[in-house]
């Protein structure tokens, strides 16, 4: 997945704004062959209920999902995945993340712990639990250019 530094900065600020709760966003872009290009980050509200569990759970606002899909279509883009934060755990899809996903989809997770802050995952949707496959995270290719996976 190809991402420039600007959109990673927007994504980081979006997810950090929700702290201490999990933040979430939709990723809008284009599919080019076997690669994905991120063109926009669509911030979303975390609507998980009960609200007291939002520090370790998230649910994308359904209305925002519809608005993002409509806007993306009107601008020649598509929803290529989602991003969310794990403020107090590793950037690995949880069992709940896998159970609630509708694959195939891209999932980017930012962790508040450790060295591997950002990780990208492809969730195939081939089974009921959306088994994740990590995409390599490559940074620092050129000024303002970063890549997530291929």
Protein backbone atom coordinates (compact mmCIF):
# COMPACT_ATOMS: atom_id res chain seq x y z
CA UNK A 1 0.00 0.00 0.00
CA UNK A 2 1.33 3.39 -0.97
CA UNK A 3 0.87 6.29 1.48
CA UNK A 4 2.50 9.69 1.60
CA UNK A 5 3.67 11.19 4.86
CA UNK A 6 0.92 13.81 4.93
CA UNK A 7 -1.85 11.22 5.21
CA UNK A 8 0.00 9.27 7.89
CA UNK A 9 0.26 12.49 9.89
CA UNK A 10 -3.48 13.13 9.42
CA UNK A 11 -4.23 9.56 10.48
CA UNK A 12 -2.02 9.81 13.56
CA UNK A 13 -3.66 13.07 14.68
CA UNK A 14 -7.13 11.63 14.05
CA UNK A 15 -6.47 8.57 16.18
CA UNK A 16 -4.66 10.52 18.93
CA UNK A 17 -7.59 12.95 19.21
CA UNK A 18 -9.74 10.12 20.59
CA UNK A 19 -7.37 9.20 23.44
CA UNK A 20 -7.82 7.56 25.91
CA UNK A 21 -10.43 5.81 23.74
CA UNK A 22 -9.68 3.91 20.55
CA UNK A 23 -9.82 6.24 17.58
CA UNK A 24 -11.01 5.10 14.15
CA UNK A 25 -11.08 6.22 10.53
CA UNK A 26 -11.86 4.98 7.06
CA UNK A 27 -9.16 4.85 4.41
CA UNK A 28 -10.15 6.12 0.96
CA UNK A 29 -8.09 5.49 -2.13
CA UNK A 30 -7.66 3.52 -5.33
CA UNK A 31 -6.76 0.00 -6.29
CA UNK A 32 -4.07 -0.19 -8.97
CA UNK A 33 -3.41 -3.78 -9.96
CA UNK A 34 -2.39 -5.55 -6.76
CA UNK A 35 -1.51 -2.36 -4.92
CA UNK A 36 -3.54 0.14 -2.93
CA UNK A 37 -3.05 3.91 -2.85
CA UNK A 38 -4.32 5.96 0.09
CA UNK A 39 -5.67 9.35 -0.98
CA UNK A 40 -7.81 10.42 2.00
CA UNK A 41 -8.36 9.67 5.68
CA UNK A 42 -12.02 9.93 6.74
CA UNK A 43 -12.18 10.41 10.56
CA UNK A 44 -15.03 8.54 12.24
CA UNK A 45 -16.58 8.56 15.68
CA UNK A 46 -16.19 5.48 17.85
CA UNK A 47 -19.76 4.30 18.52
CA UNK A 48 -18.98 1.17 20.55
CA UNK A 49 -21.51 0.48 23.28
CA UNK A 50 -21.23 0.43 26.19
CA UNK A 51 -19.16 3.62 25.99
CA UNK A 52 -17.02 2.64 29.00
CA UNK A 53 -15.40 -0.08 26.81
CA UNK A 54 -14.21 2.35 24.11
CA UNK A 55 -10.70 2.32 25.58
CA UNK A 56 -10.30 -1.21 24.09
CA UNK A 57 -13.11 -1.49 21.50
CA UNK A 58 -14.31 0.51 18.51
CA UNK A 59 -17.22 0.56 16.12
CA UNK A 60 -17.27 2.80 13.07
CA UNK A 61 -20.28 5.09 12.95
CA UNK A 62 -22.60 3.58 10.27
CA UNK A 63 -23.77 7.00 9.05
CA UNK A 64 -20.18 8.14 8.55
CA UNK A 65 -19.46 4.94 6.60
CA UNK A 66 -22.30 5.72 4.18
CA UNK A 67 -21.20 9.35 3.81
CA UNK A 68 -17.59 8.27 3.16
CA UNK A 69 -18.67 5.72 0.54
CA UNK A 70 -20.82 8.29 -1.27
CA UNK A 71 -18.09 10.96 -1.17
CA UNK A 72 -15.46 8.46 -2.38
CA UNK A 73 -17.61 7.38 -5.36
CA UNK A 74 -18.24 11.01 -6.31
CA UNK A 75 -14.46 11.62 -6.33
CA UNK A 76 -13.37 8.46 -8.15
CA UNK A 77 -12.17 6.74 -4.98
CA UNK A 78 -13.26 3.78 -2.90
CA UNK A 79 -13.12 2.74 0.73
CA UNK A 80 -10.02 0.51 0.82
CA UNK A 81 -10.06 -0.21 4.54
CA UNK A 82 -10.08 1.19 8.03
CA UNK A 83 -7.67 2.29 10.71
CA UNK A 84 -7.96 2.31 14.47
CA UNK A 85 -5.79 2.61 17.54
CA UNK A 86 -4.91 0.26 20.34
CA UNK A 87 -3.88 2.78 23.04
CA UNK A 88 -2.73 0.14 25.54
CA UNK A 89 -2.03 -2.94 23.43
CA UNK A 90 0.00 -4.10 20.44
CA UNK A 91 -0.92 -3.20 16.86
CA UNK A 92 -2.30 -6.67 16.16
CA UNK A 93 -5.95 -7.32 15.19
CA UNK A 94 -7.79 -8.54 18.28
CA UNK A 95 -10.24 -11.42 18.18
CA UNK A 96 -13.05 -8.86 18.20
CA UNK A 97 -11.41 -6.96 15.30
CA UNK A 98 -11.32 -10.19 13.28
CA UNK A 99 -14.85 -11.26 14.18
CA UNK A 100 -16.41 -7.91 13.27
CA UNK A 101 -14.53 -7.29 10.02
CA UNK A 102 -16.01 -7.71 6.59
CA UNK A 103 -13.16 -8.79 4.35
CA UNK A 104 -11.39 -8.61 2.17
CA UNK A 105 -10.14 -5.36 3.64
CA UNK A 106 -7.12 -3.42 4.78
CA UNK A 107 -6.76 -2.71 8.51
CA UNK A 108 -4.13 -0.29 9.81
CA UNK A 109 -3.56 -0.26 13.57
CA UNK A 110 -1.58 2.23 15.64
CA UNK A 111 -0.32 1.04 19.02
CA UNK A 112 0.48 3.12 22.07
CA UNK A 113 3.12 0.52 23.03
CA UNK A 114 6.53 -0.61 21.84
CA UNK A 115 8.60 0.02 18.75
CA UNK A 116 6.13 -1.24 16.14
CA UNK A 117 3.70 1.64 16.46
CA UNK A 118 2.07 1.25 13.01
CA UNK A 119 1.17 -2.08 11.44
CA UNK A 120 -0.89 -2.87 8.36
CA UNK A 121 -2.93 -6.03 7.92
CA UNK A 122 -4.82 -7.63 5.06
CA UNK A 123 -7.91 -9.46 6.29
CA UNK A 124 -8.97 -11.85 3.58
CA UNK A 125 -12.53 -12.57 4.64
CA UNK A 126 -12.08 -16.17 3.47
CA UNK A 127 -13.49 -17.48 6.73
CA UNK A 128 -15.73 -16.38 9.57
CA UNK A 129 -12.91 -14.81 11.59
CA UNK A 130 -11.09 -12.78 8.85
CA UNK A 131 -7.60 -14.21 9.39
CA UNK A 132 -5.07 -11.35 9.18
CA UNK A 133 -1.90 -11.33 7.09
CA UNK A 134 0.60 -8.63 8.01
CA UNK A 135 1.75 -6.34 5.25
CA UNK A 136 5.33 -5.08 5.53
CA UNK A 137 5.61 -1.48 6.63
CA UNK A 138 8.24 0.46 4.72
CA UNK A 139 9.13 4.01 5.65
CA UNK A 140 11.52 6.67 4.48
CA UNK A 141 11.65 5.85 0.74
CA UNK A 142 11.74 9.45 -0.42
CA UNK A 143 10.93 12.79 1.10
CA UNK A 144 7.25 12.72 2.04
CA UNK A 145 6.79 9.19 0.68
CA UNK A 146 6.05 6.10 2.75
CA UNK A 147 4.73 2.68 1.85
CA UNK A 148 2.62 0.22 3.74
CA UNK A 149 2.93 -3.23 2.19
CA UNK A 150 2.64 -3.81 -1.54
